[in-house]
Amino acid sequence: MKLEDKLFLDQYKVDSESHLKIKDSDVCLKCEQKQCTWICPAGVYKWDDDSQKLIVGWENCMEMGACVVACNEFDNIEMQYPKGGFGITYKFG
């Protein structure tokens, strides 16, 4: 089974507030590799060349924290788990 097929099995209950925060969007300009954009299997982070900003689609977050670890050079991503009852629900393991 492909990763995309497995992700389709997950369910999300989205809160109205993001549990992910970019501390300083200007810091992302200094990051050459933008590893948060490729480390996240759910594709939560996208770099927009036109606006020179990081777009965060927190609604699809799988809450694993890989983005925080990937941003080790600048420590610019803050993650808290969603409030109770919100976030991801995994099915079938």
PDB file of N, CA and C in Angstrom:
ATOM      1  N   MET A   1       0.844  -1.171   0.000  1.00  0.00           N
ATOM      2  CA  MET A   1       0.000   0.000   0.000  1.00  0.00           C
ATOM      3  C   MET A   1       0.899   1.247   0.000  1.00  0.00           C
ATOM      4  N   LYS A   2       0.608   2.194  -0.860  1.00  0.00           N
ATOM      5  CA  LYS A   2       1.380   3.430  -0.954  1.00  0.00           C
ATOM      6  C   LYS A   2       1.095   4.321   0.248  1.00  0.00           C
ATOM      7  N   LEU A   3       2.039   5.210   0.522  1.00  0.00           N
ATOM      8  CA  LEU A   3       1.875   6.149   1.622  1.00  0.00           C
ATOM      9  C   LEU A   3       0.616   6.995   1.446  1.00  0.00           C
ATOM     10  N   GLU A   4       0.358   7.445   0.239  1.00  0.00           N
ATOM     11  CA  GLU A   4      -0.826   8.264  -0.020  1.00  0.00           C
ATOM     12  C   GLU A   4      -2.111   7.510   0.320  1.00  0.00           C
ATOM     13  N   ASP A   5      -2.128   6.208   0.042  1.00  0.00           N
ATOM     14  CA  ASP A   5      -3.299   5.387   0.365  1.00  0.00           C
ATOM     15  C   ASP A   5      -3.469   5.247   1.874  1.00  0.00           C
ATOM     16  N   LYS A   6      -2.357   5.102   2.583  1.00  0.00           N
ATOM     17  CA  LYS A   6      -2.430   4.995   4.038  1.00  0.00           C
ATOM     18  C   LYS A   6      -2.898   6.306   4.669  1.00  0.00           C
ATOM     19  N   LEU A   7      -2.416   7.423   4.132  1.00  0.00           N
ATOM     20  CA  LEU A   7      -2.841   8.723   4.664  1.00  0.00           C
ATOM     21  C   LEU A   7      -4.336   8.947   4.473  1.00  0.00           C
ATOM     22  N   PHE A   8      -4.884   8.376   3.425  1.00  0.00           N
ATOM     23  CA  PHE A   8      -6.306   8.513   3.143  1.00  0.00           C
ATOM     24  C   PHE A   8      -7.157   7.868   4.239  1.00  0.00           C
ATOM     25  N   LEU A   9      -6.612   6.889   4.945  1.00  0.00           N
ATOM     26  CA  LEU A   9      -7.348   6.194   5.994  1.00  0.00           C
ATOM     27  C   LEU A   9      -7.483   7.020   7.273  1.00  0.00           C
ATOM     28  N   ASP A  10      -6.606   8.001   7.450  1.00  0.00           N
ATOM     29  CA  ASP A  10      -6.630   8.811   8.664  1.00  0.00           C
ATOM     30  C   ASP A  10      -7.791   9.801   8.631  1.00  0.00           C
ATOM     31  N   GLN A  11      -8.258  10.156   9.818  1.00  0.00           N
ATOM     32  CA  GLN A  11      -9.334  11.141   9.920  1.00  0.00           C
ATOM     33  C   GLN A  11      -8.850  12.318  10.755  1.00  0.00           C
ATOM     34  N   TYR A  12      -9.312  13.498  10.397  1.00  0.00           N
ATOM     35  CA  TYR A  12      -8.929  14.712  11.096  1.00  0.00           C
ATOM     36  C   TYR A  12     -10.164  15.436  11.614  1.00  0.00           C
ATOM     37  N   LYS A  13     -10.055  15.912  12.835  1.00  0.00           N
ATOM     38  CA  LYS A  13     -11.059  16.835  13.359  1.00  0.00           C
ATOM     39  C   LYS A  13     -10.312  18.141  13.580  1.00  0.00           C
ATOM     40  N   VAL A  14     -10.552  19.084  12.704  1.00  0.00           N
ATOM     41  CA  VAL A  14      -9.762  20.308  12.641  1.00  0.00           C
ATOM     42  C   VAL A  14     -10.286  21.353  13.609  1.00  0.00           C
ATOM     43  N   ASP A  15      -9.373  21.896  14.400  1.00  0.00           N
ATOM     44  CA  ASP A  15      -9.687  23.003  15.298  1.00  0.00           C
ATOM     45  C   ASP A  15      -9.650  24.303  14.494  1.00  0.00           C
ATOM     46  N   SER A  16     -10.245  25.347  15.026  1.00  0.00           N
ATOM     47  CA  SER A  16     -10.236  26.630  14.326  1.00  0.00           C
ATOM     48  C   SER A  16      -8.905  27.367  14.500  1.00  0.00           C
ATOM     49  N   GLU A  17      -8.076  26.914  15.436  1.00  0.00           N
ATOM     50  CA  GLU A  17      -6.777  27.526  15.680  1.00  0.00           C
ATOM     51  C   GLU A  17      -5.669  26.542  15.352  1.00  0.00           C
ATOM     52  N   SER A  18      -4.611  27.064  14.759  1.00  0.00           N
ATOM     53  CA  SER A  18      -3.466  26.227  14.414  1.00  0.00           C
ATOM     54  C   SER A  18      -2.679  25.837  15.662  1.00  0.00           C
ATOM     55  N   HIS A  19      -2.176  24.629  15.685  1.00  0.00           N
ATOM     56  CA  HIS A  19      -1.295  24.176  16.757  1.00  0.00           C
ATOM     57  C   HIS A  19       0.172  24.262  16.318  1.00  0.00           C
ATOM     58  N   LEU A  20       0.397  24.744  15.094  1.00  0.00           N
ATOM     59  CA  LEU A  20       1.738  24.951  14.559  1.00  0.00           C
ATOM     60  C   LEU A  20       1.978  26.444  14.392  1.00  0.00           C
ATOM     61  N   LYS A  21       3.175  26.884  14.726  1.00  0.00           N
ATOM     62  CA  LYS A  21       3.478  28.304  14.621  1.00  0.00           C
ATOM     63  C   LYS A  21       4.887  28.484  14.074  1.00  0.00           C
ATOM     64  N   ILE A  22       5.009  29.365  13.085  1.00  0.00           N
ATOM     65  CA  ILE A  22       6.309  29.806  12.611  1.00  0.00           C
ATOM     66  C   ILE A  22       6.673  31.014  13.467  1.00  0.00           C
ATOM     67  N   LYS A  23       7.739  30.898  14.224  1.00  0.00           N
ATOM     68  CA  LYS A  23       8.086  31.954  15.179  1.00  0.00           C
ATOM     69  C   LYS A  23       8.407  33.273  14.479  1.00  0.00           C
ATOM     70  N   ASP A  24       9.185  33.216  13.396  1.00  0.00           N
ATOM     71  CA  ASP A  24       9.577  34.428  12.668  1.00  0.00           C
ATOM     72  C   ASP A  24       9.690  34.067  11.194  1.00  0.00           C
ATOM     73  N   SER A  25       8.761  34.559  10.393  1.00  0.00           N
ATOM     74  CA  SER A  25       8.734  34.187   8.968  1.00  0.00           C
ATOM     75  C   SER A  25       9.975  34.656   8.215  1.00  0.00           C
ATOM     76  N   ASP A  26      10.635  35.708   8.697  1.00  0.00           N
ATOM     77  CA  ASP A  26      11.860  36.174   8.045  1.00  0.00           C
ATOM     78  C   ASP A  26      13.010  35.182   8.195  1.00  0.00           C
ATOM     79  N   VAL A  27      12.983  34.388   9.252  1.00  0.00           N
ATOM     80  CA  VAL A  27      14.028  33.386   9.466  1.00  0.00           C
ATOM     81  C   VAL A  27      13.993  32.330   8.358  1.00  0.00           C
ATOM     82  N   CYS A  28      12.820  32.030   7.849  1.00  0.00           N
ATOM     83  CA  CYS A  28      12.682  31.038   6.779  1.00  0.00           C
ATOM     84  C   CYS A  28      13.423  31.457   5.513  1.00  0.00           C
ATOM     85  N   LEU A  29      13.605  32.747   5.324  1.00  0.00           N
ATOM     86  CA  LEU A  29      14.350  33.244   4.166  1.00  0.00           C
ATOM     87  C   LEU A  29      15.820  32.833   4.242  1.00  0.00           C
ATOM     88  N   LYS A  30      16.360  32.675   5.446  1.00  0.00           N
ATOM     89  CA  LYS A  30      17.757  32.291   5.644  1.00  0.00           C
ATOM     90  C   LYS A  30      17.984  30.796   5.437  1.00  0.00           C
ATOM     91  N   CYS A  31      16.922  30.017   5.533  1.00  0.00           N
ATOM     92  CA  CYS A  31      17.030  28.560   5.427  1.00  0.00           C
ATOM     93  C   CYS A  31      17.177  28.166   3.956  1.00  0.00           C
ATOM     94  N   GLU A  32      18.296  27.564   3.620  1.00  0.00           N
ATOM     95  CA  GLU A  32      18.552  27.209   2.229  1.00  0.00           C
ATOM     96  C   GLU A  32      17.804  25.965   1.778  1.00  0.00           C
ATOM     97  N   GLN A  33      17.750  24.941   2.631  1.00  0.00           N
ATOM     98  CA  GLN A  33      17.173  23.656   2.212  1.00  0.00           C
ATOM     99  C   GLN A  33      15.673  23.562   2.409  1.00  0.00           C
ATOM    100  N   LYS A  34      15.118  24.361   3.287  1.00  0.00           N
ATOM    101  CA  LYS A  34      13.677  24.312   3.577  1.00  0.00           C
ATOM    102  C   LYS A  34      13.227  22.868   3.852  1.00  0.00           C
ATOM    103  N   GLN A  35      13.980  22.203   4.731  1.00  0.00           N
ATOM    104  CA  GLN A  35      13.733  20.775   4.980  1.00  0.00           C
ATOM    105  C   GLN A  35      12.345  20.468   5.523  1.00  0.00           C
ATOM    106  N   CYS A  36      11.681  21.442   6.144  1.00  0.00           N
ATOM    107  CA  CYS A  36      10.311  21.188   6.628  1.00  0.00           C
ATOM    108  C   CYS A  36       9.374  20.898   5.458  1.00  0.00           C
ATOM    109  N   THR A  37       9.695  21.410   4.270  1.00  0.00           N
ATOM    110  CA  THR A  37       8.812  21.215   3.114  1.00  0.00           C
ATOM    111  C   THR A  37       8.909  19.814   2.539  1.00  0.00           C
ATOM    112  N   TRP A  38       9.974  19.091   2.843  1.00  0.00           N
ATOM    113  CA  TRP A  38      10.071  17.732   2.295  1.00  0.00           C
ATOM    114  C   TRP A  38      10.107  16.649   3.360  1.00  0.00           C
ATOM    115  N   ILE A  39      10.293  17.008   4.631  1.00  0.00           N
ATOM    116  CA  ILE A  39      10.348  15.995   5.692  1.00  0.00           C
ATOM    117  C   ILE A  39       8.949  15.544   6.116  1.00  0.00           C
ATOM    118  N   CYS A  40       7.971  16.404   5.983  1.00  0.00           N
ATOM    119  CA  CYS A  40       6.610  16.102   6.439  1.00  0.00           C
ATOM    120  C   CYS A  40       5.888  15.213   5.420  1.00  0.00           C
ATOM    121  N   PRO A  41       5.502  14.003   5.816  1.00  0.00           N
ATOM    122  CA  PRO A  41       4.821  13.106   4.869  1.00  0.00           C
ATOM    123  C   PRO A  41       3.428  13.598   4.471  1.00  0.00           C
ATOM    124  N   ALA A  42       2.838  14.474   5.283  1.00  0.00           N
ATOM    125  CA  ALA A  42       1.506  14.993   4.967  1.00  0.00           C
ATOM    126  C   ALA A  42       1.571  16.274   4.136  1.00  0.00           C
ATOM    127  N   GLY A  43       2.754  16.776   3.864  1.00  0.00           N
ATOM    128  CA  GLY A  43       2.905  17.970   3.039  1.00  0.00           C
ATOM    129  C   GLY A  43       2.320  19.221   3.672  1.00  0.00           C
ATOM    130  N   VAL A  44       2.478  19.356   4.977  1.00  0.00           N
ATOM    131  CA  VAL A  44       1.904  20.494   5.699  1.00  0.00           C
ATOM    132  C   VAL A  44       2.582  21.809   5.292  1.00  0.00           C
ATOM    133  N   TYR A  45       3.877  21.758   5.002  1.00  0.00           N
ATOM    134  CA  TYR A  45       4.641  22.979   4.711  1.00  0.00           C
ATOM    135  C   TYR A  45       4.926  23.097   3.225  1.00  0.00           C
ATOM    136  N   LYS A  46       4.647  24.269   2.685  1.00  0.00           N
ATOM    137  CA  LYS A  46       4.921  24.565   1.273  1.00  0.00           C
ATOM    138  C   LYS A  46       5.606  25.925   1.202  1.00  0.00           C
ATOM    139  N   TRP A  47       6.673  26.005   0.415  1.00  0.00           N
ATOM    140  CA  TRP A  47       7.350  27.279   0.221  1.00  0.00           C
ATOM    141  C   TRP A  47       6.751  27.964  -1.000  1.00  0.00           C
ATOM    142  N   ASP A  48       6.327  29.207  -0.826  1.00  0.00           N
ATOM    143  CA  ASP A  48       5.763  29.990  -1.920  1.00  0.00           C
ATOM    144  C   ASP A  48       6.829  30.964  -2.418  1.00  0.00           C
ATOM    145  N   ASP A  49       7.359  30.695  -3.605  1.00  0.00           N
ATOM    146  CA  ASP A  49       8.412  31.541  -4.172  1.00  0.00           C
ATOM    147  C   ASP A  49       7.943  32.959  -4.433  1.00  0.00           C
ATOM    148  N   ASP A  50       6.703  33.113  -4.848  1.00  0.00           N
ATOM    149  CA  ASP A  50       6.187  34.447  -5.177  1.00  0.00           C
ATOM    150  C   ASP A  50       6.167  35.370  -3.959  1.00  0.00           C
ATOM    151  N   SER A  51       5.631  34.883  -2.857  1.00  0.00           N
ATOM    152  CA  SER A  51       5.532  35.716  -1.657  1.00  0.00           C
ATOM    153  C   SER A  51       6.733  35.562  -0.728  1.00  0.00           C
ATOM    154  N   GLN A  52       7.615  34.586  -1.043  1.00  0.00           N
ATOM    155  CA  GLN A  52       8.789  34.308  -0.203  1.00  0.00           C
ATOM    156  C   GLN A  52       8.382  34.005   1.237  1.00  0.00           C
ATOM    157  N   LYS A  53       7.336  33.187   1.362  1.00  0.00           N
ATOM    158  CA  LYS A  53       6.837  32.808   2.682  1.00  0.00           C
ATOM    159  C   LYS A  53       6.547  31.315   2.726  1.00  0.00           C
ATOM    160  N   LEU A  54       6.579  30.806   3.932  1.00  0.00           N
ATOM    161  CA  LEU A  54       6.226  29.423   4.177  1.00  0.00           C
ATOM    162  C   LEU A  54       4.724  29.346   4.436  1.00  0.00           C
ATOM    163  N   ILE A  55       4.033  28.513   3.693  1.00  0.00           N
ATOM    164  CA  ILE A  55       2.597  28.306   3.872  1.00  0.00           C
ATOM    165  C   ILE A  55       2.425  27.053   4.733  1.00  0.00           C
ATOM    166  N   VAL A  56       1.644  27.167   5.791  1.00  0.00           N
ATOM    167  CA  VAL A  56       1.450  26.057   6.729  1.00  0.00           C
ATOM    168  C   VAL A  56       0.008  25.577   6.646  1.00  0.00           C
ATOM    169  N   GLY A  57      -0.182  24.367   6.127  1.00  0.00           N
ATOM    170  CA  GLY A  57      -1.506  23.745   6.058  1.00  0.00           C
ATOM    171  C   GLY A  57      -1.715  22.845   7.259  1.00  0.00           C
ATOM    172  N   TRP A  58      -1.799  23.414   8.434  1.00  0.00           N
ATOM    173  CA  TRP A  58      -1.841  22.678   9.699  1.00  0.00           C
ATOM    174  C   TRP A  58      -3.022  21.725   9.813  1.00  0.00           C
ATOM    175  N   GLU A  59      -4.019  21.898   8.990  1.00  0.00           N
ATOM    176  CA  GLU A  59      -5.205  21.033   9.059  1.00  0.00           C
ATOM    177  C   GLU A  59      -4.876  19.573   8.751  1.00  0.00           C
ATOM    178  N   ASN A  60      -3.788  19.322   8.019  1.00  0.00           N
ATOM    179  CA  ASN A  60      -3.401  17.956   7.651  1.00  0.00           C
ATOM    180  C   ASN A  60      -2.292  17.391   8.520  1.00  0.00           C
ATOM    181  N   CYS A  61      -1.927  18.073   9.581  1.00  0.00           N
ATOM    182  CA  CYS A  61      -0.793  17.669  10.413  1.00  0.00           C
ATOM    183  C   CYS A  61      -1.033  16.294  11.050  1.00  0.00           C
ATOM    184  N   MET A  62       0.006  15.466  10.993  1.00  0.00           N
ATOM    185  CA  MET A  62      -0.063  14.128  11.578  1.00  0.00           C
ATOM    186  C   MET A  62       0.497  14.087  13.002  1.00  0.00           C
ATOM    187  N   GLU A  63       0.918  15.239  13.510  1.00  0.00           N
ATOM    188  CA  GLU A  63       1.344  15.419  14.903  1.00  0.00           C
ATOM    189  C   GLU A  63       2.543  14.570  15.292  1.00  0.00           C
ATOM    190  N   MET A  64       3.459  14.337  14.373  1.00  0.00           N
ATOM    191  CA  MET A  64       4.631  13.514  14.695  1.00  0.00           C
ATOM    192  C   MET A  64       5.836  14.334  15.120  1.00  0.00           C
ATOM    193  N   GLY A  65       5.857  15.622  14.805  1.00  0.00           N
ATOM    194  CA  GLY A  65       6.941  16.487  15.237  1.00  0.00           C
ATOM    195  C   GLY A  65       8.187  16.471  14.375  1.00  0.00           C
ATOM    196  N   ALA A  66       8.123  15.828  13.231  1.00  0.00           N
ATOM    197  CA  ALA A  66       9.290  15.773  12.339  1.00  0.00           C
ATOM    198  C   ALA A  66       9.702  17.169  11.890  1.00  0.00           C
ATOM    199  N   CYS A  67       8.746  18.054  11.730  1.00  0.00           N
ATOM    200  CA  CYS A  67       9.042  19.422  11.292  1.00  0.00           C
ATOM    201  C   CYS A  67       9.898  20.154  12.320  1.00  0.00           C
ATOM    202  N   VAL A  68       9.613  19.954  13.589  1.00  0.00           N
ATOM    203  CA  VAL A  68      10.365  20.613  14.653  1.00  0.00           C
ATOM    204  C   VAL A  68      11.804  20.113  14.651  1.00  0.00           C
ATOM    205  N   VAL A  69      11.978  18.830  14.472  1.00  0.00           N
ATOM    206  CA  VAL A  69      13.311  18.243  14.413  1.00  0.00           C
ATOM    207  C   VAL A  69      14.046  18.709  13.158  1.00  0.00           C
ATOM    208  N   ALA A  70      13.342  18.789  12.038  1.00  0.00           N
ATOM    209  CA  ALA A  70      13.951  19.208  10.777  1.00  0.00           C
ATOM    210  C   ALA A  70      14.420  20.657  10.824  1.00  0.00           C
ATOM    211  N   CYS A  71      13.756  21.478  11.616  1.00  0.00           N
ATOM    212  CA  CYS A  71      14.106  22.896  11.727  1.00  0.00           C
ATOM    213  C   CYS A  71      15.128  23.106  12.850  1.00  0.00           C
ATOM    214  N   ASN A  72      16.068  22.172  12.975  1.00  0.00           N
ATOM    215  CA  ASN A  72      17.027  22.229  14.081  1.00  0.00           C
ATOM    216  C   ASN A  72      18.022  23.373  13.957  1.00  0.00           C
ATOM    217  N   GLU A  73      18.308  23.828  12.750  1.00  0.00           N
ATOM    218  CA  GLU A  73      19.286  24.901  12.568  1.00  0.00           C
ATOM    219  C   GLU A  73      18.765  26.231  13.109  1.00  0.00           C
ATOM    220  N   PHE A  74      17.481  26.507  12.877  1.00  0.00           N
ATOM    221  CA  PHE A  74      16.911  27.804  13.267  1.00  0.00           C
ATOM    222  C   PHE A  74      15.904  27.712  14.409  1.00  0.00           C
ATOM    223  N   ASP A  75      15.422  26.517  14.724  1.00  0.00           N
ATOM    224  CA  ASP A  75      14.437  26.329  15.788  1.00  0.00           C
ATOM    225  C   ASP A  75      13.288  27.326  15.628  1.00  0.00           C
ATOM    226  N   ASN A  76      12.702  27.331  14.429  1.00  0.00           N
ATOM    227  CA  ASN A  76      11.709  28.344  14.081  1.00  0.00           C
ATOM    228  C   ASN A  76      10.280  27.809  14.026  1.00  0.00           C
ATOM    229  N   ILE A  77      10.102  26.522  14.279  1.00  0.00           N
ATOM    230  CA  ILE A  77       8.754  25.940  14.275  1.00  0.00           C
ATOM    231  C   ILE A  77       8.379  25.557  15.699  1.00  0.00           C
ATOM    232  N   GLU A  78       7.230  26.029  16.120  1.00  0.00           N
ATOM    233  CA  GLU A  78       6.711  25.678  17.437  1.00  0.00           C
ATOM    234  C   GLU A  78       5.487  24.799  17.240  1.00  0.00           C
ATOM    235  N   MET A  79       5.468  23.655  17.904  1.00  0.00           N
ATOM    236  CA  MET A  79       4.339  22.735  17.766  1.00  0.00           C
ATOM    237  C   MET A  79       3.788  22.391  19.140  1.00  0.00           C
ATOM    238  N   GLN A  80       2.489  22.494  19.261  1.00  0.00           N
ATOM    239  CA  GLN A  80       1.782  21.999  20.436  1.00  0.00           C
ATOM    240  C   GLN A  80       0.752  21.009  19.910  1.00  0.00           C
ATOM    241  N   TYR A  81       0.432  20.036  20.700  1.00  0.00           N
ATOM    242  CA  TYR A  81      -0.607  19.115  20.255  1.00  0.00           C
ATOM    243  C   TYR A  81      -1.953  19.833  20.279  1.00  0.00           C
ATOM    244  N   PRO A  82      -2.853  19.485  19.361  1.00  0.00           N
ATOM    245  CA  PRO A  82      -4.171  20.133  19.337  1.00  0.00           C
ATOM    246  C   PRO A  82      -4.929  19.912  20.641  1.00  0.00           C
ATOM    247  N   LYS A  83      -5.872  20.793  20.886  1.00  0.00           N
ATOM    248  CA  LYS A  83      -6.717  20.652  22.074  1.00  0.00           C
ATOM    249  C   LYS A  83      -7.429  19.300  22.034  1.00  0.00           C
ATOM    250  N   GLY A  84      -7.820  18.822  23.197  1.00  0.00           N
ATOM    251  CA  GLY A  84      -8.509  17.547  23.316  1.00  0.00           C
ATOM    252  C   GLY A  84      -9.694  17.431  22.372  1.00  0.00           C
ATOM    253  N   GLY A  85      -9.784  16.296  21.697  1.00  0.00           N
ATOM    254  CA  GLY A  85     -10.872  16.058  20.765  1.00  0.00           C
ATOM    255  C   GLY A  85     -10.579  16.501  19.337  1.00  0.00           C
ATOM    256  N   PHE A  86      -9.472  17.227  19.149  1.00  0.00           N
ATOM    257  CA  PHE A  86      -9.106  17.692  17.833  1.00  0.00           C
ATOM    258  C   PHE A  86      -7.825  17.001  17.379  1.00  0.00           C
ATOM    259  N   GLY A  87      -7.565  17.094  16.091  1.00  0.00           N
ATOM    260  CA  GLY A  87      -6.337  16.516  15.535  1.00  0.00           C
ATOM    261  C   GLY A  87      -6.633  15.265  14.726  1.00  0.00           C
ATOM    262  N   ILE A  88      -5.630  14.424  14.647  1.00  0.00           N
ATOM    263  CA  ILE A  88      -5.689  13.241  13.798  1.00  0.00           C
ATOM    264  C   ILE A  88      -6.148  12.018  14.582  1.00  0.00           C
ATOM    265  N   THR A  89      -6.875  11.155  13.899  1.00  0.00           N
ATOM    266  CA  THR A  89      -7.252   9.837  14.423  1.00  0.00           C
ATOM    267  C   THR A  89      -6.735   8.806  13.435  1.00  0.00           C
ATOM    268  N   TYR A  90      -5.878   7.920  13.913  1.00  0.00           N
ATOM    269  CA  TYR A  90      -5.305   6.901  13.052  1.00  0.00           C
ATOM    270  C   TYR A  90      -6.194   5.671  13.009  1.00  0.00           C
ATOM    271  N   LYS A  91      -6.314   5.098  11.825  1.00  0.00           N
ATOM    272  CA  LYS A  91      -7.070   3.858  11.649  1.00  0.00           C
ATOM    273  C   LYS A  91      -6.113   2.760  11.215  1.00  0.00           C
ATOM    274  N   PHE A  92      -6.362   1.573  11.638  1.00  0.00           N
ATOM    275  CA  PHE A  92      -5.616   0.398  11.201  1.00  0.00           C
ATOM    276  C   PHE A  92      -4.126   0.536  11.464  1.00  0.00           C
ATOM    277  N   GLY A  93      -3.773   0.947  12.668  1.00  0.00           N
ATOM    278  CA  GLY A  93      -2.379   0.985  13.092  1.00  0.00           C
ATOM    279  C   GLY A  93      -1.703   2.232  12.777  1.00  0.00           C
TER     280      GLY A  93
END
